[in-house]
PDB file of N, CA and C in Angstrom:
ATOM      1  N   TYR A   1      43.223  23.478  -6.971  1.00  0.00           N
ATOM      2  CA  TYR A   1      43.843  22.430  -7.790  1.00  0.00           C
ATOM      3  C   TYR A   1      45.250  22.698  -8.000  1.00  0.00           C
ATOM      4  N   THR A   2      46.118  21.602  -8.063  1.00  0.00           N
ATOM      5  CA  THR A   2      47.565  21.724  -8.331  1.00  0.00           C
ATOM      6  C   THR A   2      47.772  20.607  -9.349  1.00  0.00           C
ATOM      7  N   SER A   3      49.028  20.684  -9.934  1.00  0.00           N
ATOM      8  CA  SER A   3      49.328  19.608 -10.903  1.00  0.00           C
ATOM      9  C   SER A   3      49.546  18.268 -10.183  1.00  0.00           C
ATOM     10  N   ALA A   4      49.743  18.318  -8.911  1.00  0.00           N
ATOM     11  CA  ALA A   4      49.936  17.075  -8.074  1.00  0.00           C
ATOM     12  C   ALA A   4      48.611  16.355  -7.849  1.00  0.00           C
ATOM     13  N   ASP A   5      47.520  17.094  -7.799  1.00  0.00           N
ATOM     14  CA  ASP A   5      46.151  16.448  -7.403  1.00  0.00           C
ATOM     15  C   ASP A   5      45.161  16.503  -8.434  1.00  0.00           C
ATOM     16  N   SER A   6      45.539  16.985  -9.724  1.00  0.00           N
ATOM     17  CA  SER A   6      44.527  16.974 -10.786  1.00  0.00           C
ATOM     18  C   SER A   6      45.227  16.755 -12.072  1.00  0.00           C
ATOM     19  N   GLY A   7      44.499  16.974 -13.157  1.00  0.00           N
ATOM     20  CA  GLY A   7      45.221  16.918 -14.499  1.00  0.00           C
ATOM     21  C   GLY A   7      45.704  18.192 -15.040  1.00  0.00           C
ATOM     22  N   LEU A   8      45.867  19.174 -14.148  1.00  0.00           N
ATOM     23  CA  LEU A   8      46.527  20.424 -14.521  1.00  0.00           C
ATOM     24  C   LEU A   8      47.948  20.205 -14.984  1.00  0.00           C
ATOM     25  N   GLY A   9      48.352  20.773 -16.171  1.00  0.00           N
ATOM     26  CA  GLY A   9      49.573  20.512 -16.733  1.00  0.00           C
ATOM     27  C   GLY A   9      50.757  21.093 -15.880  1.00  0.00           C
ATOM     28  N   TYR A  10      50.576  22.204 -15.301  1.00  0.00           N
ATOM     29  CA  TYR A  10      51.682  22.905 -14.471  1.00  0.00           C
ATOM     30  C   TYR A  10      50.974  23.949 -13.580  1.00  0.00           C
ATOM     31  N   ASP A  11      51.633  24.060 -12.435  1.00  0.00           N
ATOM     32  CA  ASP A  11      51.091  25.027 -11.458  1.00  0.00           C
ATOM     33  C   ASP A  11      51.147  26.550 -11.813  1.00  0.00           C
ATOM     34  N   GLN A  12      52.099  26.939 -12.653  1.00  0.00           N
ATOM     35  CA  GLN A  12      52.149  28.337 -12.925  1.00  0.00           C
ATOM     36  C   GLN A  12      51.410  28.756 -14.170  1.00  0.00           C
ATOM     37  N   ILE A  13      50.196  29.351 -13.787  1.00  0.00           N
ATOM     38  CA  ILE A  13      49.218  29.753 -14.846  1.00  0.00           C
ATOM     39  C   ILE A  13      49.492  31.306 -15.154  1.00  0.00           C
ATOM     40  N   VAL A  14      49.627  31.567 -16.363  1.00  0.00           N
ATOM     41  CA  VAL A  14      49.912  32.944 -16.775  1.00  0.00           C
ATOM     42  C   VAL A  14      48.753  33.813 -17.339  1.00  0.00           C
ATOM     43  N   ASP A  15      47.777  33.001 -17.862  1.00  0.00           N
ATOM     44  CA  ASP A  15      46.651  33.624 -18.354  1.00  0.00           C
ATOM     45  C   ASP A  15      45.396  32.713 -18.353  1.00  0.00           C
ATOM     46  N   ILE A  16      44.251  33.249 -18.360  1.00  0.00           N
ATOM     47  CA  ILE A  16      42.948  32.513 -18.280  1.00  0.00           C
ATOM     48  C   ILE A  16      41.898  33.187 -19.178  1.00  0.00           C
ATOM     49  N   GLY A  17      41.190  32.352 -19.957  1.00  0.00           N
ATOM     50  CA  GLY A  17      40.161  32.814 -20.802  1.00  0.00           C
ATOM     51  C   GLY A  17      39.003  31.813 -20.660  1.00  0.00           C
ATOM     52  N   PHE A  18      37.737  32.327 -20.882  1.00  0.00           N
ATOM     53  CA  PHE A  18      36.523  31.505 -20.786  1.00  0.00           C
ATOM     54  C   PHE A  18      35.838  31.355 -22.075  1.00  0.00           C
ATOM     55  N   ASP A  19      35.468  30.105 -22.434  1.00  0.00           N
ATOM     56  CA  ASP A  19      34.842  30.048 -23.753  1.00  0.00           C
ATOM     57  C   ASP A  19      33.225  30.039 -23.469  1.00  0.00           C
ATOM     58  N   SER A  20      32.482  29.896 -24.611  1.00  0.00           N
ATOM     59  CA  SER A  20      31.014  30.083 -24.569  1.00  0.00           C
ATOM     60  C   SER A  20      30.395  28.941 -23.836  1.00  0.00           C
ATOM     61  N   GLN A  21      31.109  27.899 -23.470  1.00  0.00           N
ATOM     62  CA  GLN A  21      30.504  26.822 -22.688  1.00  0.00           C
ATOM     63  C   GLN A  21      30.854  26.856 -21.239  1.00  0.00           C
ATOM     64  N   GLY A  22      31.581  28.004 -20.811  1.00  0.00           N
ATOM     65  CA  GLY A  22      31.846  28.187 -19.390  1.00  0.00           C
ATOM     66  C   GLY A  22      33.095  27.413 -19.014  1.00  0.00           C
ATOM     67  N   ARG A  23      33.895  26.937 -19.965  1.00  0.00           N
ATOM     68  CA  ARG A  23      35.171  26.167 -19.537  1.00  0.00           C
ATOM     69  C   ARG A  23      36.288  27.203 -19.547  1.00  0.00           C
ATOM     70  N   ALA A  24      37.170  27.001 -18.625  1.00  0.00           N
ATOM     71  CA  ALA A  24      38.322  27.833 -18.499  1.00  0.00           C
ATOM     72  C   ALA A  24      39.489  27.333 -19.163  1.00  0.00           C
ATOM     73  N   TRP A  25      40.122  28.155 -20.028  1.00  0.00           N
ATOM     74  CA  TRP A  25      41.342  27.873 -20.754  1.00  0.00           C
ATOM     75  C   TRP A  25      42.454  28.443 -20.004  1.00  0.00           C
ATOM     76  N   LEU A  26      43.482  27.683 -19.686  1.00  0.00           N
ATOM     77  CA  LEU A  26      44.696  28.156 -18.896  1.00  0.00           C
ATOM     78  C   LEU A  26      45.898  28.048 -19.718  1.00  0.00           C
ATOM     79  N   ALA A  27      46.571  29.098 -19.785  1.00  0.00           N
ATOM     80  CA  ALA A  27      47.942  29.075 -20.444  1.00  0.00           C
ATOM     81  C   ALA A  27      48.918  28.965 -19.290  1.00  0.00           C
ATOM     82  N   THR A  28      49.652  27.951 -19.321  1.00  0.00           N
ATOM     83  CA  THR A  28      50.720  27.638 -18.250  1.00  0.00           C
ATOM     84  C   THR A  28      52.058  27.965 -18.769  1.00  0.00           C
ATOM     85  N   PHE A  29      53.058  28.301 -17.759  1.00  0.00           N
ATOM     86  CA  PHE A  29      54.345  28.412 -18.226  1.00  0.00           C
ATOM     87  C   PHE A  29      55.148  27.185 -17.740  1.00  0.00           C
ATOM     88  N   GLY A  30      54.990  26.147 -18.517  1.00  0.00           N
ATOM     89  CA  GLY A  30      55.719  24.929 -18.351  1.00  0.00           C
ATOM     90  C   GLY A  30      54.912  23.645 -18.571  1.00  0.00           C
ATOM     91  N   GLY A  31      53.689  23.812 -18.733  1.00  0.00           N
ATOM     92  CA  GLY A  31      52.851  22.624 -18.972  1.00  0.00           C
ATOM     93  C   GLY A  31      51.882  22.615 -20.169  1.00  0.00           C
ATOM     94  N   GLY A  32      52.009  23.581 -21.056  1.00  0.00           N
ATOM     95  CA  GLY A  32      51.098  23.641 -22.246  1.00  0.00           C
ATOM     96  C   GLY A  32      49.886  24.362 -21.930  1.00  0.00           C
ATOM     97  N   LEU A  33      48.884  24.095 -22.559  1.00  0.00           N
ATOM     98  CA  LEU A  33      47.588  24.712 -22.466  1.00  0.00           C
ATOM     99  C   LEU A  33      46.538  23.723 -21.879  1.00  0.00           C
ATOM    100  N   ASP A  34      45.840  24.295 -20.905  1.00  0.00           N
ATOM    101  CA  ASP A  34      44.821  23.337 -20.182  1.00  0.00           C
ATOM    102  C   ASP A  34      43.381  23.907 -20.388  1.00  0.00           C
ATOM    103  N   ARG A  35      42.413  23.006 -20.343  1.00  0.00           N
ATOM    104  CA  ARG A  35      41.051  23.386 -20.339  1.00  0.00           C
ATOM    105  C   ARG A  35      40.427  22.754 -19.134  1.00  0.00           C
ATOM    106  N   PHE A  36      39.747  23.610 -18.389  1.00  0.00           N
ATOM    107  CA  PHE A  36      39.019  23.110 -17.134  1.00  0.00           C
ATOM    108  C   PHE A  36      37.565  23.178 -17.275  1.00  0.00           C
ATOM    109  N   ASP A  37      36.841  22.108 -17.128  1.00  0.00           N
ATOM    110  CA  ASP A  37      35.405  21.956 -17.256  1.00  0.00           C
ATOM    111  C   ASP A  37      34.836  22.079 -15.738  1.00  0.00           C
ATOM    112  N   PRO A  38      34.092  23.136 -15.472  1.00  0.00           N
ATOM    113  CA  PRO A  38      33.652  23.235 -14.149  1.00  0.00           C
ATOM    114  C   PRO A  38      32.488  22.206 -13.798  1.00  0.00           C
ATOM    115  N   THR A  39      31.827  21.761 -14.763  1.00  0.00           N
ATOM    116  CA  THR A  39      30.683  20.822 -14.579  1.00  0.00           C
ATOM    117  C   THR A  39      31.236  19.532 -14.041  1.00  0.00           C
ATOM    118  N   THR A  40      32.357  19.046 -14.563  1.00  0.00           N
ATOM    119  CA  THR A  40      32.972  17.823 -14.219  1.00  0.00           C
ATOM    120  C   THR A  40      34.137  17.923 -13.282  1.00  0.00           C
ATOM    121  N   GLU A  41      34.585  19.155 -13.153  1.00  0.00           N
ATOM    122  CA  GLU A  41      35.753  19.477 -12.415  1.00  0.00           C
ATOM    123  C   GLU A  41      37.047  18.770 -12.772  1.00  0.00           C
ATOM    124  N   THR A  42      37.123  18.720 -14.250  1.00  0.00           N
ATOM    125  CA  THR A  42      38.317  17.931 -14.749  1.00  0.00           C
ATOM    126  C   THR A  42      39.087  18.910 -15.633  1.00  0.00           C
ATOM    127  N   PHE A  43      40.394  18.569 -15.772  1.00  0.00           N
ATOM    128  CA  PHE A  43      41.299  19.227 -16.634  1.00  0.00           C
ATOM    129  C   PHE A  43      41.570  18.425 -17.800  1.00  0.00           C
ATOM    130  N   GLU A  44      41.795  19.020 -18.968  1.00  0.00           N
ATOM    131  CA  GLU A  44      42.378  18.376 -20.166  1.00  0.00           C
ATOM    132  C   GLU A  44      43.636  19.198 -20.655  1.00  0.00           C
ATOM    133  N   ASN A  45      44.639  18.453 -20.789  1.00  0.00           N
ATOM    134  CA  ASN A  45      45.914  19.136 -21.198  1.00  0.00           C
ATOM    135  C   ASN A  45      46.302  19.029 -22.621  1.00  0.00           C
ATOM    136  N   PHE A  46      46.714  20.123 -23.221  1.00  0.00           N
ATOM    137  CA  PHE A  46      47.069  20.193 -24.565  1.00  0.00           C
ATOM    138  C   PHE A  46      48.538  20.591 -24.766  1.00  0.00           C
ATOM    139  N   ASP A  47      49.404  19.661 -25.176  1.00  0.00           N
ATOM    140  CA  ASP A  47      50.827  19.845 -25.184  1.00  0.00           C
ATOM    141  C   ASP A  47      51.506  19.505 -26.501  1.00  0.00           C
ATOM    142  N   LEU A  48      52.774  19.355 -26.571  1.00  0.00           N
ATOM    143  CA  LEU A  48      53.452  18.977 -27.804  1.00  0.00           C
ATOM    144  C   LEU A  48      52.897  17.808 -28.546  1.00  0.00           C
ATOM    145  N   PRO A  49      52.530  16.768 -27.898  1.00  0.00           N
ATOM    146  CA  PRO A  49      51.900  15.637 -28.683  1.00  0.00           C
ATOM    147  C   PRO A  49      50.650  16.001 -29.466  1.00  0.00           C
ATOM    148  N   ASP A  50      49.887  17.048 -28.943  1.00  0.00           N
ATOM    149  CA  ASP A  50      48.726  17.572 -29.534  1.00  0.00           C
ATOM    150  C   ASP A  50      48.906  18.457 -30.739  1.00  0.00           C
ATOM    151  N   GLY A  51      50.241  18.651 -31.187  1.00  0.00           N
ATOM    152  CA  GLY A  51      50.599  19.476 -32.309  1.00  0.00           C
ATOM    153  C   GLY A  51      51.028  20.904 -32.070  1.00  0.00           C
ATOM    154  N   THR A  52      51.153  21.278 -30.806  1.00  0.00           N
ATOM    155  CA  THR A  52      51.512  22.702 -30.519  1.00  0.00           C
ATOM    156  C   THR A  52      52.972  22.824 -30.731  1.00  0.00           C
ATOM    157  N   VAL A  53      53.307  24.036 -31.119  1.00  0.00           N
ATOM    158  CA  VAL A  53      54.702  24.379 -31.545  1.00  0.00           C
ATOM    159  C   VAL A  53      55.317  25.004 -30.226  1.00  0.00           C
ATOM    160  N   HIS A  54      56.158  24.171 -29.614  1.00  0.00           N
ATOM    161  CA  HIS A  54      56.880  24.482 -28.516  1.00  0.00           C
ATOM    162  C   HIS A  54      55.894  25.065 -27.264  1.00  0.00           C
ATOM    163  N   GLY A  55      54.753  24.440 -27.282  1.00  0.00           N
ATOM    164  CA  GLY A  55      53.684  24.962 -26.483  1.00  0.00           C
ATOM    165  C   GLY A  55      53.758  24.874 -24.985  1.00  0.00           C
ATOM    166  N   ARG A  56      54.814  24.336 -24.485  1.00  0.00           N
ATOM    167  CA  ARG A  56      54.894  24.162 -22.940  1.00  0.00           C
ATOM    168  C   ARG A  56      54.864  25.543 -22.262  1.00  0.00           C
ATOM    169  N   TYR A  57      55.637  26.491 -22.841  1.00  0.00           N
ATOM    170  CA  TYR A  57      55.774  27.730 -22.193  1.00  0.00           C
ATOM    171  C   TYR A  57      55.026  28.841 -22.861  1.00  0.00           C
ATOM    172  N   ASN A  58      53.873  29.123 -22.307  1.00  0.00           N
ATOM    173  CA  ASN A  58      52.902  30.071 -22.807  1.00  0.00           C
ATOM    174  C   ASN A  58      53.151  31.492 -22.204  1.00  0.00           C
ATOM    175  N   LYS A  59      52.735  32.494 -22.875  1.00  0.00           N
ATOM    176  CA  LYS A  59      52.856  33.861 -22.498  1.00  0.00           C
ATOM    177  C   LYS A  59      51.455  34.414 -22.172  1.00  0.00           C
ATOM    178  N   SER A  60      50.618  34.067 -23.120  1.00  0.00           N
ATOM    179  CA  SER A  60      49.173  34.545 -22.963  1.00  0.00           C
ATOM    180  C   SER A  60      48.221  33.672 -23.847  1.00  0.00           C
ATOM    181  N   LEU A  61      46.952  33.968 -23.751  1.00  0.00           N
ATOM    182  CA  LEU A  61      45.963  33.254 -24.745  1.00  0.00           C
ATOM    183  C   LEU A  61      44.847  34.213 -24.942  1.00  0.00           C
ATOM    184  N   THR A  62      44.154  33.981 -25.938  1.00  0.00           N
ATOM    185  CA  THR A  62      42.847  34.622 -26.264  1.00  0.00           C
ATOM    186  C   THR A  62      41.974  33.652 -27.015  1.00  0.00           C
ATOM    187  N   LEU A  63      40.652  33.858 -26.763  1.00  0.00           N
ATOM    188  CA  LEU A  63      39.672  33.003 -27.466  1.00  0.00           C
ATOM    189  C   LEU A  63      39.183  33.747 -28.605  1.00  0.00           C
ATOM    190  N   GLY A  64      39.075  33.028 -29.763  1.00  0.00           N
ATOM    191  CA  GLY A  64      38.686  33.717 -30.982  1.00  0.00           C
ATOM    192  C   GLY A  64      37.315  33.131 -31.488  1.00  0.00           C
ATOM    193  N   PRO A  65      36.856  33.525 -32.748  1.00  0.00           N
ATOM    194  CA  PRO A  65      35.648  33.175 -33.262  1.00  0.00           C
ATOM    195  C   PRO A  65      35.594  31.505 -33.393  1.00  0.00           C
ATOM    196  N   GLY A  66      34.378  30.968 -33.186  1.00  0.00           N
ATOM    197  CA  GLY A  66      34.306  29.530 -33.575  1.00  0.00           C
ATOM    198  C   GLY A  66      34.939  28.664 -32.500  1.00  0.00           C
ATOM    199  N   GLY A  67      35.288  29.237 -31.340  1.00  0.00           N
ATOM    200  CA  GLY A  67      35.922  28.359 -30.294  1.00  0.00           C
ATOM    201  C   GLY A  67      37.352  28.176 -30.448  1.00  0.00           C
ATOM    202  N   ALA A  68      38.134  28.920 -31.375  1.00  0.00           N
ATOM    203  CA  ALA A  68      39.552  28.863 -31.528  1.00  0.00           C
ATOM    204  C   ALA A  68      40.184  29.344 -30.307  1.00  0.00           C
ATOM    205  N   VAL A  69      41.332  28.804 -29.902  1.00  0.00           N
ATOM    206  CA  VAL A  69      42.159  29.315 -28.809  1.00  0.00           C
ATOM    207  C   VAL A  69      43.527  29.572 -29.355  1.00  0.00           C
ATOM    208  N   PHE A  70      43.911  30.824 -29.106  1.00  0.00           N
ATOM    209  CA  PHE A  70      45.257  31.409 -29.653  1.00  0.00           C
ATOM    210  C   PHE A  70      46.183  31.389 -28.428  1.00  0.00           C
ATOM    211  N   ALA A  71      47.219  30.680 -28.360  1.00  0.00           N
ATOM    212  CA  ALA A  71      48.149  30.694 -27.224  1.00  0.00           C
ATOM    213  C   ALA A  71      49.449  31.167 -27.813  1.00  0.00           C
ATOM    214  N   VAL A  72      50.056  32.264 -27.154  1.00  0.00           N
ATOM    215  CA  VAL A  72      51.325  32.764 -27.529  1.00  0.00           C
ATOM    216  C   VAL A  72      52.408  32.107 -26.872  1.00  0.00           C
ATOM    217  N   SER A  73      53.225  31.374 -27.600  1.00  0.00           N
ATOM    218  CA  SER A  73      54.392  30.687 -27.088  1.00  0.00           C
ATOM    219  C   SER A  73      55.622  31.493 -26.729  1.00  0.00           C
ATOM    220  N   LEU A  74      56.102  31.443 -25.498  1.00  0.00           N
ATOM    221  CA  LEU A  74      57.179  32.322 -25.128  1.00  0.00           C
ATOM    222  C   LEU A  74      58.540  31.820 -25.694  1.00  0.00           C
ATOM    223  N   ARG A  75      58.798  30.529 -25.733  1.00  0.00           N
ATOM    224  CA  ARG A  75      60.123  30.194 -26.151  1.00  0.00           C
ATOM    225  C   ARG A  75      60.307  30.163 -27.649  1.00  0.00           C
ATOM    226  N   ALA A  76      59.249  29.755 -28.382  1.00  0.00           N
ATOM    227  CA  ALA A  76      59.279  29.638 -29.787  1.00  0.00           C
ATOM    228  C   ALA A  76      58.973  31.031 -30.514  1.00  0.00           C
ATOM    229  N   GLY A  77      58.343  31.869 -29.706  1.00  0.00           N
ATOM    230  CA  GLY A  77      57.926  33.227 -30.292  1.00  0.00           C
ATOM    231  C   GLY A  77      56.822  33.240 -31.316  1.00  0.00           C
ATOM    232  N   GLY A  78      56.103  31.992 -31.328  1.00  0.00           N
ATOM    233  CA  GLY A  78      55.002  31.880 -32.171  1.00  0.00           C
ATOM    234  C   GLY A  78      53.659  31.767 -31.487  1.00  0.00           C
ATOM    235  N   VAL A  79      52.643  31.479 -32.366  1.00  0.00           N
ATOM    236  CA  VAL A  79      51.226  31.456 -31.764  1.00  0.00           C
ATOM    237  C   VAL A  79      50.677  30.048 -32.160  1.00  0.00           C
ATOM    238  N   ASN A  80      50.210  29.277 -31.179  1.00  0.00           N
ATOM    239  CA  ASN A  80      49.497  28.103 -31.343  1.00  0.00           C
ATOM    240  C   ASN A  80      48.092  28.273 -31.426  1.00  0.00           C
ATOM    241  N   ILE A  81      47.443  27.698 -32.356  1.00  0.00           N
ATOM    242  CA  ILE A  81      46.015  27.829 -32.549  1.00  0.00           C
ATOM    243  C   ILE A  81      45.343  26.487 -32.417  1.00  0.00           C
ATOM    244  N   TYR A  82      44.390  26.362 -31.450  1.00  0.00           N
ATOM    245  CA  TYR A  82      43.725  25.101 -31.103  1.00  0.00           C
ATOM    246  C   TYR A  82      42.244  25.320 -31.613  1.00  0.00           C
ATOM    247  N   THR A  83      41.785  24.390 -32.493  1.00  0.00           N
ATOM    248  CA  THR A  83      40.437  24.528 -32.951  1.00  0.00           C
ATOM    249  C   THR A  83      39.596  23.240 -32.638  1.00  0.00           C
ATOM    250  N   GLY A  84      40.133  22.378 -31.837  1.00  0.00           N
ATOM    251  CA  GLY A  84      39.451  21.122 -31.624  1.00  0.00           C
ATOM    252  C   GLY A  84      38.133  21.279 -30.784  1.00  0.00           C
ATOM    253  N   PRO A  85      37.633  20.192 -30.362  1.00  0.00           N
ATOM    254  CA  PRO A  85      36.306  20.140 -29.699  1.00  0.00           C
ATOM    255  C   PRO A  85      36.405  20.841 -28.213  1.00  0.00           C
TER     256      PRO A  85
END
């Protein structure tokens, strides 16, 4: 998959984590945070309009309790926490 042929936010992926539902969470360096569902083979992108703090440029991510995703923002130097569905 590439950003040109799918819903992937950006081609440069810097970290990947898998949630309890088998979905891949992708921290990208330029396109925010993406979630890939292997059952539907679709991407969902989470970016600035979704409330992230300068979330386009990520450095890493980790999955926490209750499905929370923590993405470290490279440019803002902060951490974005996504707790949605």
